[in-house]
Amino acid sequence: AQELKEGAEEKVDDLKEAAADTTEAAKGKAAQLAEGLREGKDKVMKEGQHAVEKTKEAASNAADYVKEVPDKVAEQASSLAEQTKQLAGDAAEYAKDAKDRVVEESQN
């Protein structure tokens, strides 16, 4: 009976030791997983921040373009008005020259 008791106690001690080893291994694995999750979270946060910055930059560029469009349209309209004025002046001068030639030819 004493041998059985000692054998059982030895088995219990072995089981306790195995349980302690398993617990330590599980703690180590949990720590590794936690570190991996932290690294993953940091990477996702960094990439998310980069995406936010790119989106802000694109929105700013779009806003700048929208601000510039009316000025560009006004410049083009002004240039077109100037060209139209020049063409009208050229046409009036051409009409006057043609009239003068008709009058001159009719007098001859």
N, C-alpha and C. Protein backbone atom coordinates (compact mmCIF):
# COMPACT_ATOMS: atom_id res chain seq x y z
N ALA A 1 0.83 -1.20 0.00
CA ALA A 1 0.00 0.00 0.00
C ALA A 1 0.87 1.25 0.00
N GLN A 2 1.94 1.17 0.77
CA GLN A 2 2.84 2.32 0.84
C GLN A 2 3.45 2.59 -0.54
N GLU A 3 3.81 1.53 -1.24
CA GLU A 3 4.40 1.69 -2.57
C GLU A 3 3.39 2.31 -3.53
N LEU A 4 2.16 1.87 -3.44
CA LEU A 4 1.11 2.43 -4.29
C LEU A 4 0.90 3.91 -3.99
N LYS A 5 0.92 4.22 -2.71
CA LYS A 5 0.74 5.61 -2.30
C LYS A 5 1.90 6.46 -2.84
N GLU A 6 3.13 5.97 -2.68
CA GLU A 6 4.29 6.72 -3.16
C GLU A 6 4.26 6.83 -4.68
N GLY A 7 3.87 5.75 -5.35
CA GLY A 7 3.76 5.78 -6.81
C GLY A 7 2.72 6.79 -7.27
N ALA A 8 1.58 6.82 -6.54
CA ALA A 8 0.51 7.77 -6.87
C ALA A 8 0.98 9.20 -6.63
N GLU A 9 1.68 9.42 -5.53
CA GLU A 9 2.20 10.76 -5.23
C GLU A 9 3.20 11.21 -6.30
N GLU A 10 4.01 10.25 -6.76
CA GLU A 10 4.98 10.56 -7.81
C GLU A 10 4.26 10.94 -9.09
N LYS A 11 3.21 10.19 -9.42
CA LYS A 11 2.41 10.50 -10.61
C LYS A 11 1.75 11.88 -10.48
N VAL A 12 1.24 12.18 -9.30
CA VAL A 12 0.63 13.49 -9.05
C VAL A 12 1.67 14.59 -9.23
N ASP A 13 2.87 14.38 -8.69
CA ASP A 13 3.94 15.36 -8.85
C ASP A 13 4.29 15.54 -10.33
N ASP A 14 4.37 14.41 -11.07
CA ASP A 14 4.65 14.48 -12.51
C ASP A 14 3.56 15.27 -13.24
N LEU A 15 2.31 15.01 -12.86
CA LEU A 15 1.19 15.73 -13.49
C LEU A 15 1.23 17.22 -13.16
N LYS A 16 1.56 17.54 -11.91
CA LYS A 16 1.67 18.96 -11.51
C LYS A 16 2.77 19.65 -12.32
N GLU A 17 3.90 18.93 -12.47
CA GLU A 17 5.02 19.50 -13.22
C GLU A 17 4.64 19.69 -14.70
N ALA A 18 3.96 18.70 -15.26
CA ALA A 18 3.52 18.80 -16.66
C ALA A 18 2.52 19.95 -16.81
N ALA A 19 1.63 20.10 -15.84
CA ALA A 19 0.65 21.19 -15.88
C ALA A 19 1.35 22.54 -15.80
N ALA A 20 2.37 22.64 -14.95
CA ALA A 20 3.13 23.89 -14.82
C ALA A 20 3.85 24.20 -16.13
N ASP A 21 4.45 23.16 -16.74
CA ASP A 21 5.14 23.36 -18.03
C ASP A 21 4.15 23.80 -19.10
N THR A 22 3.00 23.16 -19.12
CA THR A 22 1.96 23.53 -20.10
C THR A 22 1.49 24.96 -19.88
N THR A 23 1.31 25.33 -18.62
CA THR A 23 0.88 26.69 -18.29
C THR A 23 1.91 27.71 -18.76
N GLU A 24 3.19 27.43 -18.49
CA GLU A 24 4.26 28.34 -18.92
C GLU A 24 4.30 28.46 -20.44
N ALA A 25 4.17 27.31 -21.12
CA ALA A 25 4.17 27.32 -22.59
C ALA A 25 2.99 28.13 -23.11
N ALA A 26 1.82 27.94 -22.48
CA ALA A 26 0.63 28.68 -22.90
C ALA A 26 0.81 30.18 -22.68
N LYS A 27 1.43 30.55 -21.55
CA LYS A 27 1.69 31.97 -21.27
C LYS A 27 2.63 32.56 -22.32
N GLY A 28 3.68 31.79 -22.67
CA GLY A 28 4.63 32.24 -23.70
C GLY A 28 3.94 32.42 -25.04
N LYS A 29 3.10 31.46 -25.41
CA LYS A 29 2.37 31.54 -26.68
C LYS A 29 1.41 32.72 -26.66
N ALA A 30 0.74 32.92 -25.55
CA ALA A 30 -0.18 34.05 -25.42
C ALA A 30 0.57 35.37 -25.56
N ALA A 31 1.76 35.45 -24.97
CA ALA A 31 2.57 36.67 -25.08
C ALA A 31 2.98 36.90 -26.54
N GLN A 32 3.36 35.81 -27.23
CA GLN A 32 3.72 35.95 -28.65
C GLN A 32 2.54 36.43 -29.48
N LEU A 33 1.38 35.83 -29.22
CA LEU A 33 0.17 36.24 -29.96
C LEU A 33 -0.18 37.70 -29.67
N ALA A 34 -0.06 38.10 -28.41
CA ALA A 34 -0.36 39.48 -28.05
C ALA A 34 0.59 40.44 -28.77
N GLU A 35 1.86 40.08 -28.82
CA GLU A 35 2.85 40.91 -29.51
C GLU A 35 2.53 41.00 -31.01
N GLY A 36 2.16 39.85 -31.57
CA GLY A 36 1.78 39.83 -32.99
C GLY A 36 0.57 40.71 -33.25
N LEU A 37 -0.39 40.66 -32.35
CA LEU A 37 -1.59 41.50 -32.50
C LEU A 37 -1.24 42.98 -32.38
N ARG A 38 -0.35 43.31 -31.43
CA ARG A 38 0.08 44.71 -31.28
C ARG A 38 0.77 45.20 -32.55
N GLU A 39 1.67 44.35 -33.08
CA GLU A 39 2.37 44.74 -34.31
C GLU A 39 1.40 44.90 -35.47
N GLY A 40 0.44 43.96 -35.56
CA GLY A 40 -0.57 44.04 -36.61
C GLY A 40 -1.42 45.30 -36.47
N LYS A 41 -1.82 45.60 -35.25
CA LYS A 41 -2.63 46.80 -35.00
C LYS A 41 -1.84 48.05 -35.38
N ASP A 42 -0.55 48.09 -34.98
CA ASP A 42 0.28 49.25 -35.30
C ASP A 42 0.41 49.43 -36.81
N LYS A 43 0.57 48.30 -37.52
CA LYS A 43 0.70 48.36 -38.98
C LYS A 43 -0.60 48.88 -39.61
N VAL A 44 -1.72 48.34 -39.14
CA VAL A 44 -3.02 48.78 -39.67
C VAL A 44 -3.24 50.26 -39.38
N MET A 45 -2.90 50.69 -38.17
CA MET A 45 -3.06 52.11 -37.81
C MET A 45 -2.19 52.99 -38.69
N LYS A 46 -0.96 52.56 -38.92
CA LYS A 46 -0.03 53.34 -39.75
C LYS A 46 -0.55 53.44 -41.19
N GLU A 47 -0.99 52.30 -41.73
CA GLU A 47 -1.53 52.31 -43.09
C GLU A 47 -2.81 53.12 -43.17
N GLY A 48 -3.63 53.04 -42.13
CA GLY A 48 -4.86 53.83 -42.10
C GLY A 48 -4.56 55.32 -42.06
N GLN A 49 -3.57 55.71 -41.27
CA GLN A 49 -3.18 57.12 -41.18
C GLN A 49 -2.65 57.60 -42.53
N HIS A 50 -1.87 56.73 -43.20
CA HIS A 50 -1.34 57.08 -44.53
C HIS A 50 -2.49 57.30 -45.51
N ALA A 51 -3.49 56.42 -45.45
CA ALA A 51 -4.65 56.55 -46.34
C ALA A 51 -5.41 57.84 -46.05
N VAL A 52 -5.55 58.19 -44.77
CA VAL A 52 -6.25 59.43 -44.39
C VAL A 52 -5.48 60.64 -44.95
N GLU A 53 -4.15 60.62 -44.82
CA GLU A 53 -3.35 61.74 -45.32
C GLU A 53 -3.47 61.86 -46.83
N LYS A 54 -3.44 60.73 -47.55
CA LYS A 54 -3.58 60.75 -49.01
C LYS A 54 -4.96 61.29 -49.40
N THR A 55 -5.99 60.90 -48.65
CA THR A 55 -7.34 61.37 -48.95
C THR A 55 -7.44 62.87 -48.73
N LYS A 56 -6.84 63.35 -47.62
CA LYS A 56 -6.85 64.79 -47.36
C LYS A 56 -6.12 65.54 -48.47
N GLU A 57 -4.98 64.99 -48.91
CA GLU A 57 -4.20 65.63 -49.97
C GLU A 57 -5.01 65.70 -51.27
N ALA A 58 -5.68 64.59 -51.60
CA ALA A 58 -6.49 64.57 -52.82
C ALA A 58 -7.65 65.56 -52.72
N ALA A 59 -8.27 65.65 -51.56
CA ALA A 59 -9.38 66.60 -51.37
C ALA A 59 -8.88 68.03 -51.48
N SER A 60 -7.70 68.30 -50.93
CA SER A 60 -7.12 69.63 -51.02
C SER A 60 -6.81 69.99 -52.47
N ASN A 61 -6.23 69.03 -53.20
CA ASN A 61 -5.92 69.27 -54.61
C ASN A 61 -7.20 69.54 -55.41
N ALA A 62 -8.24 68.78 -55.12
CA ALA A 62 -9.52 68.98 -55.81
C ALA A 62 -10.09 70.36 -55.48
N ALA A 63 -10.00 70.75 -54.22
CA ALA A 63 -10.50 72.07 -53.81
C ALA A 63 -9.72 73.19 -54.50
N ASP A 64 -8.40 73.02 -54.57
CA ASP A 64 -7.57 74.02 -55.27
C ASP A 64 -7.97 74.12 -56.74
N TYR A 65 -8.20 72.97 -57.37
CA TYR A 65 -8.58 72.96 -58.78
C TYR A 65 -9.92 73.67 -58.98
N VAL A 66 -10.87 73.37 -58.07
CA VAL A 66 -12.20 74.00 -58.17
C VAL A 66 -12.08 75.52 -58.01
N LYS A 67 -11.16 75.97 -57.13
CA LYS A 67 -10.95 77.40 -56.95
C LYS A 67 -10.34 78.04 -58.19
N GLU A 68 -9.45 77.30 -58.87
CA GLU A 68 -8.76 77.84 -60.04
C GLU A 68 -9.65 77.89 -61.28
N VAL A 69 -10.63 77.01 -61.39
CA VAL A 69 -11.44 76.91 -62.60
C VAL A 69 -12.13 78.24 -62.94
N PRO A 70 -12.81 78.90 -62.01
CA PRO A 70 -13.46 80.17 -62.38
C PRO A 70 -12.45 81.21 -62.90
N ASP A 71 -11.28 81.27 -62.29
CA ASP A 71 -10.27 82.21 -62.75
C ASP A 71 -9.81 81.88 -64.17
N LYS A 72 -9.61 80.60 -64.44
CA LYS A 72 -9.19 80.18 -65.78
C LYS A 72 -10.28 80.47 -66.80
N VAL A 73 -11.52 80.21 -66.43
CA VAL A 73 -12.64 80.49 -67.33
C VAL A 73 -12.73 81.99 -67.60
N ALA A 74 -12.55 82.79 -66.55
CA ALA A 74 -12.60 84.25 -66.72
C ALA A 74 -11.47 84.72 -67.63
N GLU A 75 -10.27 84.15 -67.45
CA GLU A 75 -9.14 84.52 -68.30
C GLU A 75 -9.43 84.18 -69.76
N GLN A 76 -9.96 82.98 -69.99
CA GLN A 76 -10.27 82.56 -71.36
C GLN A 76 -11.37 83.42 -71.96
N ALA A 77 -12.38 83.74 -71.16
CA ALA A 77 -13.47 84.59 -71.65
C ALA A 77 -12.94 85.98 -71.99
N SER A 78 -12.06 86.50 -71.16
CA SER A 78 -11.47 87.81 -71.43
C SER A 78 -10.64 87.78 -72.71
N SER A 79 -9.85 86.74 -72.86
CA SER A 79 -9.04 86.59 -74.07
C SER A 79 -9.92 86.46 -75.31
N LEU A 80 -11.00 85.68 -75.19
CA LEU A 80 -11.92 85.52 -76.31
C LEU A 80 -12.61 86.84 -76.64
N ALA A 81 -12.97 87.59 -75.62
CA ALA A 81 -13.60 88.90 -75.85
C ALA A 81 -12.62 89.84 -76.56
N GLU A 82 -11.35 89.81 -76.15
CA GLU A 82 -10.33 90.65 -76.79
C GLU A 82 -10.15 90.25 -78.25
N GLN A 83 -10.11 88.94 -78.51
CA GLN A 83 -9.96 88.46 -79.89
C GLN A 83 -11.17 88.86 -80.74
N THR A 84 -12.36 88.75 -80.14
CA THR A 84 -13.59 89.12 -80.85
C THR A 84 -13.58 90.61 -81.18
N LYS A 85 -13.15 91.41 -80.23
CA LYS A 85 -13.05 92.86 -80.44
C LYS A 85 -12.07 93.17 -81.57
N GLN A 86 -10.93 92.48 -81.57
CA GLN A 86 -9.93 92.67 -82.62
C GLN A 86 -10.49 92.27 -83.98
N LEU A 87 -11.19 91.13 -84.03
CA LEU A 87 -11.78 90.68 -85.29
C LEU A 87 -12.86 91.65 -85.77
N ALA A 88 -13.65 92.17 -84.86
CA ALA A 88 -14.69 93.14 -85.22
C ALA A 88 -14.04 94.40 -85.78
N GLY A 89 -12.96 94.84 -85.14
CA GLY A 89 -12.24 96.02 -85.65
C GLY A 89 -11.66 95.75 -87.03
N ASP A 90 -11.07 94.56 -87.22
CA ASP A 90 -10.52 94.19 -88.53
C ASP A 90 -11.64 94.14 -89.58
N ALA A 91 -12.79 93.57 -89.21
CA ALA A 91 -13.92 93.48 -90.15
C ALA A 91 -14.43 94.87 -90.50
N ALA A 92 -14.51 95.77 -89.51
CA ALA A 92 -14.97 97.14 -89.78
C ALA A 92 -13.98 97.84 -90.70
N GLU A 93 -12.71 97.65 -90.47
CA GLU A 93 -11.68 98.27 -91.32
C GLU A 93 -11.76 97.71 -92.74
N TYR A 94 -11.97 96.41 -92.85
CA TYR A 94 -12.09 95.77 -94.16
C TYR A 94 -13.32 96.32 -94.89
N ALA A 95 -14.44 96.45 -94.15
CA ALA A 95 -15.68 96.97 -94.75
C ALA A 95 -15.47 98.42 -95.22
N LYS A 96 -14.77 99.22 -94.42
CA LYS A 96 -14.51 100.62 -94.79
C LYS A 96 -13.62 100.67 -96.03
N ASP A 97 -12.59 99.82 -96.08
CA ASP A 97 -11.71 99.77 -97.26
C ASP A 97 -12.50 99.35 -98.49
N ALA A 98 -13.38 98.37 -98.33
CA ALA A 98 -14.18 97.91 -99.46
C ALA A 98 -15.11 99.01 -99.94
N LYS A 99 -15.70 99.72 -99.00
CA LYS A 99 -16.61 100.82 -99.35
C LYS A 99 -15.84 101.92 -100.09
N ASP A 100 -14.64 102.24 -99.55
CA ASP A 100 -13.82 103.27 -100.18
C ASP A 100 -13.45 102.87 -101.61
N ARG A 101 -13.15 101.57 -101.84
CA ARG A 101 -12.80 101.12 -103.19
C ARG A 101 -14.00 101.20 -104.11
N VAL A 102 -15.17 100.83 -103.59
CA VAL A 102 -16.39 100.91 -104.42
C VAL A 102 -16.66 102.34 -104.79
N VAL A 103 -16.54 103.27 -103.84
CA VAL A 103 -16.78 104.68 -104.12
C VAL A 103 -15.74 105.18 -105.11
N GLU A 104 -14.50 104.79 -104.94
CA GLU A 104 -13.41 105.24 -105.83
C GLU A 104 -13.62 104.71 -107.24
N GLU A 105 -14.02 103.42 -107.33
CA GLU A 105 -14.23 102.83 -108.65
C GLU A 105 -15.45 103.43 -109.32
N SER A 106 -16.46 103.79 -108.55
CA SER A 106 -17.66 104.37 -109.17
C SER A 106 -17.39 105.80 -109.67
N GLN A 107 -16.40 106.44 -109.08
CA GLN A 107 -16.06 107.80 -109.52
C GLN A 107 -15.20 107.76 -110.77
N ASN A 108 -14.55 106.67 -111.00
CA ASN A 108 -13.68 106.54 -112.19
C ASN A 108 -14.50 106.06 -113.33
